[in-house]
Amino acid sequence: MSAMPDAPRAAAGGAAPDTLAAEHRALHQETGLRRQRVIDALGAGSWPVAEVQALLAYLHHEVLDQAAAEERRLFARACGSHADPRARQLAAEHAGLRDAVDEVTCAATDDGRDTGRLVRALTDLDDRLGRHLRHEEEVLAGVAEEAGARQDAPHHAGWFLLSEGPVLDLDALPTGFADRVAVDRLTRLRPGEQVTIRSSGRLDRLWGLLQRRLPGEHRWTSVVEGPLNWEAEVLRRASG
């Protein structure tokens, strides 16, 4: 995701960083900033066309689509089925969020320009989003714990969560699977999205694997080149 705070690195004892919660805080904060701009415009006596468009664009591209994709992948890998009732509940919450976003759209484009309706829609959206993010953290933490206890696949839920932040620390991943998890993460970057890769070992092999998977689609910029640490910024090139 773009515009996220740096994820904390894993502790020496191997504890997983609270990446999901950090991303959720950033999502809610970014959404809140755009929501406040809409309210500020209303308070200044102008109809917030541009402000609403910016809010809706962020919600669609950074909140709704990404959250649904994360949960589909995580439940498929950790539980082996989308029939898990927890996944169905989260999907129902996503539907409610989309309804709330649609109501904001309708309130903002209504020719009557009903300020009260728009404010109520924004409040409902904020409430739904906050409740959903908290619930999602609880559910996915349980899924990660179940999968971590099994240790049955290189892409179990705990490793997936470790890979989802804007900083990917290869040393926090199990030896032998770090490159595979990193390539998977980098192939899922959207055009224009960037991730920082850190490691105590050279990153040449990872770059080679990524080039073979998606030749020419990423820009790789070395930031630190040893001798004790290596770091690179990897950007998915914009299409077109």
C-alpha atoms as a PDB file:
ATOM      1  CA  MET A   1       0.000   0.000   0.000  1.00  0.00           C
ATOM      2  CA  SER A   2       1.135   3.481  -0.613  1.00  0.00           C
ATOM      3  CA  ALA A   3       1.666   6.188   1.994  1.00  0.00           C
ATOM      4  CA  MET A   4       2.130   3.750   4.864  1.00  0.00           C
ATOM      5  CA  PRO A   5       4.405   4.217   7.875  1.00  0.00           C
ATOM      6  CA  ASP A   6       7.474   2.019   8.099  1.00  0.00           C
ATOM      7  CA  ALA A   7       6.634  -1.388   9.517  1.00  0.00           C
ATOM      8  CA  PRO A   8       8.613  -2.277  12.655  1.00  0.00           C
ATOM      9  CA  ARG A   9      11.365  -4.818  12.192  1.00  0.00           C
ATOM     10  CA  ALA A  10      11.089  -8.207  13.851  1.00  0.00           C
ATOM     11  CA  ALA A  11      12.516  -8.504  17.342  1.00  0.00           C
ATOM     12  CA  ALA A  12      15.568 -10.627  17.996  1.00  0.00           C
ATOM     13  CA  GLY A  13      13.399 -13.352  19.450  1.00  0.00           C
ATOM     14  CA  GLY A  14      11.551 -13.723  16.159  1.00  0.00           C
ATOM     15  CA  ALA A  15       8.302 -12.016  17.196  1.00  0.00           C
ATOM     16  CA  ALA A  16       6.202 -10.822  14.258  1.00  0.00           C
ATOM     17  CA  PRO A  17       5.753  -7.044  13.910  1.00  0.00           C
ATOM     18  CA  ASP A  18       2.207  -5.741  14.223  1.00  0.00           C
ATOM     19  CA  THR A  19       2.137  -4.961  10.514  1.00  0.00           C
ATOM     20  CA  LEU A  20      -1.582  -5.376   9.932  1.00  0.00           C
ATOM     21  CA  ALA A  21      -2.567  -3.091  12.800  1.00  0.00           C
ATOM     22  CA  ALA A  22      -0.072  -0.458  11.631  1.00  0.00           C
ATOM     23  CA  GLU A  23      -1.462  -0.551   8.110  1.00  0.00           C
ATOM     24  CA  HIS A  24      -5.004  -0.320   9.405  1.00  0.00           C
ATOM     25  CA  ARG A  25      -4.137   2.723  11.491  1.00  0.00           C
ATOM     26  CA  ALA A  26      -2.612   4.359   8.438  1.00  0.00           C
ATOM     27  CA  LEU A  27      -5.637   3.484   6.286  1.00  0.00           C
ATOM     28  CA  HIS A  28      -8.047   4.920   8.833  1.00  0.00           C
ATOM     29  CA  GLN A  29      -5.950   8.045   9.315  1.00  0.00           C
ATOM     30  CA  GLU A  30      -5.625   8.663   5.578  1.00  0.00           C
ATOM     31  CA  THR A  31      -9.348   8.127   5.094  1.00  0.00           C
ATOM     32  CA  GLY A  32     -10.046  10.467   8.017  1.00  0.00           C
ATOM     33  CA  LEU A  33      -7.883  13.206   6.512  1.00  0.00           C
ATOM     34  CA  ARG A  34      -9.792  13.057   3.223  1.00  0.00           C
ATOM     35  CA  ARG A  35     -13.112  12.908   5.061  1.00  0.00           C
ATOM     36  CA  GLN A  36     -12.167  15.995   7.073  1.00  0.00           C
ATOM     37  CA  ARG A  37     -11.336  17.900   3.887  1.00  0.00           C
ATOM     38  CA  VAL A  38     -14.871  17.228   2.687  1.00  0.00           C
ATOM     39  CA  ILE A  39     -16.308  18.497   5.972  1.00  0.00           C
ATOM     40  CA  ASP A  40     -14.025  21.552   5.948  1.00  0.00           C
ATOM     41  CA  ALA A  41     -15.217  22.458   2.451  1.00  0.00           C
ATOM     42  CA  LEU A  42     -18.830  22.176   3.599  1.00  0.00           C
ATOM     43  CA  GLY A  43     -18.038  24.394   6.581  1.00  0.00           C
ATOM     44  CA  ALA A  44     -16.541  26.976   4.217  1.00  0.00           C
ATOM     45  CA  GLY A  45     -19.796  27.069   2.261  1.00  0.00           C
ATOM     46  CA  SER A  46     -18.618  25.275  -0.898  1.00  0.00           C
ATOM     47  CA  TRP A  47     -19.798  21.961  -2.304  1.00  0.00           C
ATOM     48  CA  PRO A  48     -16.842  19.527  -2.010  1.00  0.00           C
ATOM     49  CA  VAL A  49     -16.753  17.965  -5.483  1.00  0.00           C
ATOM     50  CA  ALA A  50     -12.979  17.536  -5.713  1.00  0.00           C
ATOM     51  CA  GLU A  51     -12.663  16.563  -2.037  1.00  0.00           C
ATOM     52  CA  VAL A  52     -15.286  13.833  -2.360  1.00  0.00           C
ATOM     53  CA  GLN A  53     -13.643  12.506  -5.517  1.00  0.00           C
ATOM     54  CA  ALA A  54     -10.296  12.268  -3.697  1.00  0.00           C
ATOM     55  CA  LEU A  55     -11.938  10.449  -0.777  1.00  0.00           C
ATOM     56  CA  LEU A  56     -13.776   7.988  -3.015  1.00  0.00           C
ATOM     57  CA  ALA A  57     -10.687   7.261  -5.112  1.00  0.00           C
ATOM     58  CA  TYR A  58      -8.697   6.460  -1.974  1.00  0.00           C
ATOM     59  CA  LEU A  59     -11.453   4.255  -0.576  1.00  0.00           C
ATOM     60  CA  HIS A  60     -11.797   2.233  -3.769  1.00  0.00           C
ATOM     61  CA  HIS A  61      -8.113   1.761  -4.544  1.00  0.00           C
ATOM     62  CA  GLU A  62      -6.476   1.669  -1.122  1.00  0.00           C
ATOM     63  CA  VAL A  63      -9.155   0.343   1.217  1.00  0.00           C
ATOM     64  CA  LEU A  64     -11.869  -1.792  -0.352  1.00  0.00           C
ATOM     65  CA  ASP A  65     -10.048  -3.600  -3.147  1.00  0.00           C
ATOM     66  CA  GLN A  66      -6.844  -4.190  -1.180  1.00  0.00           C
ATOM     67  CA  ALA A  67      -8.609  -5.453   1.943  1.00  0.00           C
ATOM     68  CA  ALA A  68     -10.713  -7.928  -0.020  1.00  0.00           C
ATOM     69  CA  ALA A  69      -7.661  -9.203  -1.916  1.00  0.00           C
ATOM     70  CA  GLU A  70      -5.642  -9.677   1.289  1.00  0.00           C
ATOM     71  CA  GLU A  71      -8.401 -11.658   2.955  1.00  0.00           C
ATOM     72  CA  ARG A  72      -9.001 -13.894  -0.071  1.00  0.00           C
ATOM     73  CA  ARG A  73      -5.322 -14.793  -0.255  1.00  0.00           C
ATOM     74  CA  LEU A  74      -4.894 -15.202   3.479  1.00  0.00           C
ATOM     75  CA  PHE A  75      -7.903 -17.441   4.003  1.00  0.00           C
ATOM     76  CA  ALA A  76      -7.068 -19.523   0.950  1.00  0.00           C
ATOM     77  CA  ARG A  77      -3.579 -20.212   2.254  1.00  0.00           C
ATOM     78  CA  ALA A  78      -4.323 -20.580   5.917  1.00  0.00           C
ATOM     79  CA  CYS A  79      -7.674 -22.340   5.818  1.00  0.00           C
ATOM     80  CA  GLY A  80      -7.732 -23.901   2.367  1.00  0.00           C
ATOM     81  CA  SER A  81     -11.270 -22.725   1.679  1.00  0.00           C
ATOM     82  CA  HIS A  82     -13.339 -19.606   1.203  1.00  0.00           C
ATOM     83  CA  ALA A  83     -16.193 -21.375   3.002  1.00  0.00           C
ATOM     84  CA  ASP A  84     -14.765 -20.387   6.376  1.00  0.00           C
ATOM     85  CA  PRO A  85     -17.562 -18.484   8.191  1.00  0.00           C
ATOM     86  CA  ARG A  86     -15.077 -15.823   9.267  1.00  0.00           C
ATOM     87  CA  ALA A  87     -14.292 -15.085   5.626  1.00  0.00           C
ATOM     88  CA  ARG A  88     -18.008 -14.856   4.851  1.00  0.00           C
ATOM     89  CA  GLN A  89     -18.517 -12.425   7.721  1.00  0.00           C
ATOM     90  CA  LEU A  90     -15.695 -10.189   6.530  1.00  0.00           C
ATOM     91  CA  ALA A  91     -17.129 -10.332   3.002  1.00  0.00           C
ATOM     92  CA  ALA A  92     -20.484  -9.198   4.388  1.00  0.00           C
ATOM     93  CA  GLU A  93     -18.756  -6.290   6.112  1.00  0.00           C
ATOM     94  CA  HIS A  94     -17.081  -5.367   2.823  1.00  0.00           C
ATOM     95  CA  ALA A  95     -20.500  -5.289   1.188  1.00  0.00           C
ATOM     96  CA  GLY A  96     -21.696  -2.940   3.923  1.00  0.00           C
ATOM     97  CA  LEU A  97     -18.664  -0.726   3.408  1.00  0.00           C
ATOM     98  CA  ARG A  98     -19.320  -0.581  -0.312  1.00  0.00           C
ATOM     99  CA  ASP A  99     -22.928   0.390   0.392  1.00  0.00           C
ATOM    100  CA  ALA A 100     -21.660   3.167   2.674  1.00  0.00           C
ATOM    101  CA  VAL A 101     -19.293   4.380  -0.055  1.00  0.00           C
ATOM    102  CA  ASP A 102     -22.162   4.328  -2.562  1.00  0.00           C
ATOM    103  CA  GLU A 103     -24.272   6.439  -0.191  1.00  0.00           C
ATOM    104  CA  VAL A 104     -21.469   9.013   0.044  1.00  0.00           C
ATOM    105  CA  THR A 105     -21.342   9.059  -3.764  1.00  0.00           C
ATOM    106  CA  CYS A 106     -25.096   9.531  -4.072  1.00  0.00           C
ATOM    107  CA  ALA A 107     -25.202  12.208  -1.372  1.00  0.00           C
ATOM    108  CA  ALA A 108     -22.369  14.119  -3.028  1.00  0.00           C
ATOM    109  CA  THR A 109     -23.869  13.983  -6.532  1.00  0.00           C
ATOM    110  CA  ASP A 110     -27.484  14.658  -5.533  1.00  0.00           C
ATOM    111  CA  ASP A 111     -28.675  17.825  -7.255  1.00  0.00           C
ATOM    112  CA  GLY A 112     -30.341  18.849  -4.016  1.00  0.00           C
ATOM    113  CA  ARG A 113     -26.941  19.202  -2.339  1.00  0.00           C
ATOM    114  CA  ASP A 114     -28.207  18.058   1.040  1.00  0.00           C
ATOM    115  CA  THR A 115     -25.380  18.864   3.456  1.00  0.00           C
ATOM    116  CA  GLY A 116     -26.971  16.886   6.281  1.00  0.00           C
ATOM    117  CA  ARG A 117     -27.269  13.763   4.144  1.00  0.00           C
ATOM    118  CA  LEU A 118     -23.621  13.970   3.098  1.00  0.00           C
ATOM    119  CA  VAL A 119     -22.400  14.450   6.680  1.00  0.00           C
ATOM    120  CA  ARG A 120     -24.509  11.508   7.869  1.00  0.00           C
ATOM    121  CA  ALA A 121     -23.115   9.341   5.056  1.00  0.00           C
ATOM    122  CA  LEU A 122     -19.554  10.308   5.979  1.00  0.00           C
ATOM    123  CA  THR A 123     -20.183   9.526   9.651  1.00  0.00           C
ATOM    124  CA  ASP A 124     -21.688   6.130   8.838  1.00  0.00           C
ATOM    125  CA  LEU A 125     -18.766   5.319   6.563  1.00  0.00           C
ATOM    126  CA  ASP A 126     -16.228   6.207   9.252  1.00  0.00           C
ATOM    127  CA  ASP A 127     -18.050   4.115  11.859  1.00  0.00           C
ATOM    128  CA  ARG A 128     -18.306   1.089   9.563  1.00  0.00           C
ATOM    129  CA  LEU A 129     -14.681   1.323   8.513  1.00  0.00           C
ATOM    130  CA  GLY A 130     -13.409   1.572  12.084  1.00  0.00           C
ATOM    131  CA  ARG A 131     -15.456  -1.422  13.243  1.00  0.00           C
ATOM    132  CA  HIS A 132     -14.453  -3.489  10.236  1.00  0.00           C
ATOM    133  CA  LEU A 133     -10.732  -2.822  10.594  1.00  0.00           C
ATOM    134  CA  ARG A 134     -10.797  -3.779  14.275  1.00  0.00           C
ATOM    135  CA  HIS A 135     -12.743  -6.946  13.528  1.00  0.00           C
ATOM    136  CA  GLU A 136     -10.476  -7.834  10.618  1.00  0.00           C
ATOM    137  CA  GLU A 137      -7.409  -7.580  12.861  1.00  0.00           C
ATOM    138  CA  GLU A 138      -8.991  -9.945  15.389  1.00  0.00           C
ATOM    139  CA  VAL A 139     -10.042 -12.478  12.764  1.00  0.00           C
ATOM    140  CA  LEU A 140      -6.824 -12.483  10.765  1.00  0.00           C
ATOM    141  CA  ALA A 141      -4.706 -12.687  13.919  1.00  0.00           C
ATOM    142  CA  GLY A 142      -6.562 -15.905  14.732  1.00  0.00           C
ATOM    143  CA  VAL A 143      -6.032 -17.247  11.227  1.00  0.00           C
ATOM    144  CA  ALA A 144      -2.329 -16.440  11.404  1.00  0.00           C
ATOM    145  CA  GLU A 145      -2.012 -18.201  14.757  1.00  0.00           C
ATOM    146  CA  GLU A 146      -3.715 -21.326  13.394  1.00  0.00           C
ATOM    147  CA  ALA A 147      -1.520 -21.451  10.327  1.00  0.00           C
ATOM    148  CA  GLY A 148       1.638 -20.668  12.274  1.00  0.00           C
ATOM    149  CA  ALA A 149       0.941 -23.568  14.609  1.00  0.00           C
ATOM    150  CA  ARG A 150       0.744 -25.930  11.625  1.00  0.00           C
ATOM    151  CA  GLN A 151       3.917 -24.652   9.918  1.00  0.00           C
ATOM    152  CA  ASP A 152       2.748 -26.540   6.843  1.00  0.00           C
ATOM    153  CA  ALA A 153       3.447 -24.215   3.953  1.00  0.00           C
ATOM    154  CA  PRO A 154       5.899 -21.516   2.897  1.00  0.00           C
ATOM    155  CA  HIS A 155       3.038 -19.039   2.539  1.00  0.00           C
ATOM    156  CA  HIS A 156       1.237 -19.509   5.846  1.00  0.00           C
ATOM    157  CA  ALA A 157      -0.711 -16.574   7.223  1.00  0.00           C
ATOM    158  CA  GLY A 158       1.915 -15.313   9.670  1.00  0.00           C
ATOM    159  CA  TRP A 159       4.489 -14.975   6.896  1.00  0.00           C
ATOM    160  CA  PHE A 160       1.917 -13.326   4.670  1.00  0.00           C
ATOM    161  CA  LEU A 161       1.307 -10.654   7.298  1.00  0.00           C
ATOM    162  CA  LEU A 162       5.055 -10.104   7.695  1.00  0.00           C
ATOM    163  CA  SER A 163       5.358  -9.453   3.958  1.00  0.00           C
ATOM    164  CA  GLU A 164       2.505  -6.951   3.618  1.00  0.00           C
ATOM    165  CA  GLY A 165       4.067  -3.758   4.946  1.00  0.00           C
ATOM    166  CA  PRO A 166       6.013  -1.127   2.995  1.00  0.00           C
ATOM    167  CA  VAL A 167       9.262  -2.574   4.397  1.00  0.00           C
ATOM    168  CA  LEU A 168      10.024  -6.264   3.840  1.00  0.00           C
ATOM    169  CA  ASP A 169      12.751  -7.639   6.121  1.00  0.00           C
ATOM    170  CA  LEU A 170      13.990 -10.929   4.666  1.00  0.00           C
ATOM    171  CA  ASP A 171      15.689 -11.812   7.956  1.00  0.00           C
ATOM    172  CA  ALA A 172      12.260 -11.951   9.640  1.00  0.00           C
ATOM    173  CA  LEU A 173      11.176 -14.756   7.294  1.00  0.00           C
ATOM    174  CA  PRO A 174      12.081 -18.435   7.660  1.00  0.00           C
ATOM    175  CA  THR A 175      15.360 -19.424   6.023  1.00  0.00           C
ATOM    176  CA  GLY A 176      14.804 -21.072   2.666  1.00  0.00           C
ATOM    177  CA  PHE A 177      11.501 -19.341   1.938  1.00  0.00           C
ATOM    178  CA  ALA A 178      12.409 -15.646   2.156  1.00  0.00           C
ATOM    179  CA  ASP A 179      13.041 -15.211  -1.578  1.00  0.00           C
ATOM    180  CA  ARG A 180       9.809 -16.986  -2.507  1.00  0.00           C
ATOM    181  CA  VAL A 181       7.744 -14.853  -0.139  1.00  0.00           C
ATOM    182  CA  ALA A 182       9.500 -11.677  -1.353  1.00  0.00           C
ATOM    183  CA  VAL A 183       8.947 -12.461  -5.050  1.00  0.00           C
ATOM    184  CA  ASP A 184       5.294 -13.173  -4.322  1.00  0.00           C
ATOM    185  CA  ARG A 185       4.970  -9.800  -2.575  1.00  0.00           C
ATOM    186  CA  LEU A 186       6.744  -7.892  -5.330  1.00  0.00           C
ATOM    187  CA  THR A 187       4.648  -9.432  -8.099  1.00  0.00           C
ATOM    188  CA  ARG A 188       1.536  -8.196  -6.271  1.00  0.00           C
ATOM    189  CA  LEU A 189       2.648  -4.566  -6.215  1.00  0.00           C
ATOM    190  CA  ARG A 190       0.341  -2.251  -8.113  1.00  0.00           C
ATOM    191  CA  PRO A 191       1.790   0.147 -10.717  1.00  0.00           C
ATOM    192  CA  GLY A 192       3.502   2.990  -8.881  1.00  0.00           C
ATOM    193  CA  GLU A 193       3.660   1.107  -5.546  1.00  0.00           C
ATOM    194  CA  GLN A 194       7.047   0.693  -3.852  1.00  0.00           C
ATOM    195  CA  VAL A 195       8.496  -1.620  -1.207  1.00  0.00           C
ATOM    196  CA  THR A 196      11.821  -1.432   0.637  1.00  0.00           C
ATOM    197  CA  ILE A 197      13.690  -4.752   0.910  1.00  0.00           C
ATOM    198  CA  ARG A 198      16.167  -5.282   3.768  1.00  0.00           C
ATOM    199  CA  SER A 199      18.495  -8.201   4.421  1.00  0.00           C
ATOM    200  CA  SER A 200      21.743  -9.155   6.129  1.00  0.00           C
ATOM    201  CA  GLY A 201      22.700 -10.940   2.897  1.00  0.00           C
ATOM    202  CA  ARG A 202      23.100  -9.898  -0.719  1.00  0.00           C
ATOM    203  CA  LEU A 203      19.943  -9.270  -2.734  1.00  0.00           C
ATOM    204  CA  ASP A 204      21.255 -10.277  -6.180  1.00  0.00           C
ATOM    205  CA  ARG A 205      19.440 -13.621  -6.185  1.00  0.00           C
ATOM    206  CA  LEU A 206      16.100 -11.994  -5.357  1.00  0.00           C
ATOM    207  CA  TRP A 207      16.507  -9.458  -8.160  1.00  0.00           C
ATOM    208  CA  GLY A 208      17.304 -12.247 -10.597  1.00  0.00           C
ATOM    209  CA  LEU A 209      14.227 -14.234  -9.560  1.00  0.00           C
ATOM    210  CA  LEU A 210      12.015 -11.178  -9.938  1.00  0.00           C
ATOM    211  CA  GLN A 211      13.428 -10.395 -13.381  1.00  0.00           C
ATOM    212  CA  ARG A 212      12.724 -13.925 -14.538  1.00  0.00           C
ATOM    213  CA  ARG A 213       9.172 -13.763 -13.192  1.00  0.00           C
ATOM    214  CA  LEU A 214       8.284 -10.266 -14.493  1.00  0.00           C
ATOM    215  CA  PRO A 215      11.102  -8.964 -16.714  1.00  0.00           C
ATOM    216  CA  GLY A 216      11.289  -5.190 -16.968  1.00  0.00           C
ATOM    217  CA  GLU A 217       8.276  -4.472 -14.758  1.00  0.00           C
ATOM    218  CA  HIS A 218      10.154  -3.254 -11.678  1.00  0.00           C
ATOM    219  CA  ARG A 219      12.718  -0.560 -10.977  1.00  0.00           C
ATOM    220  CA  TRP A 220      15.363  -1.710  -8.487  1.00  0.00           C
ATOM    221  CA  THR A 221      17.374   0.939  -6.621  1.00  0.00           C
ATOM    222  CA  SER A 222      20.151  -0.168  -4.272  1.00  0.00           C
ATOM    223  CA  VAL A 223      20.253   1.920  -1.094  1.00  0.00           C
ATOM    224  CA  VAL A 224      22.728   0.002   1.107  1.00  0.00           C
ATOM    225  CA  GLU A 225      25.256  -2.470  -0.301  1.00  0.00           C
ATOM    226  CA  GLY A 226      26.899  -4.305   2.605  1.00  0.00           C
ATOM    227  CA  PRO A 227      29.034  -5.408   4.112  1.00  0.00           C
ATOM    228  CA  LEU A 228      26.644  -6.183   6.990  1.00  0.00           C
ATOM    229  CA  ASN A 229      23.309  -5.051   5.556  1.00  0.00           C
ATOM    230  CA  TRP A 230      21.738  -4.697   2.145  1.00  0.00           C
ATOM    231  CA  GLU A 231      18.725  -2.574   1.281  1.00  0.00           C
ATOM    232  CA  ALA A 232      16.919  -1.829  -1.979  1.00  0.00           C
ATOM    233  CA  GLU A 233      13.816   0.064  -3.061  1.00  0.00           C
ATOM    234  CA  VAL A 234      11.669  -1.804  -5.556  1.00  0.00           C
ATOM    235  CA  LEU A 235       9.048   0.087  -7.559  1.00  0.00           C
ATOM    236  CA  ARG A 236       6.439  -1.460  -9.854  1.00  0.00           C
ATOM    237  CA  ARG A 237       6.643   0.560 -13.039  1.00  0.00           C
ATOM    238  CA  ALA A 238       3.512   2.369 -14.152  1.00  0.00           C
ATOM    239  CA  SER A 239       1.804   0.742 -17.113  1.00  0.00           C
ATOM    240  CA  GLY A 240       1.718   2.429 -20.454  1.00  0.00           C
END
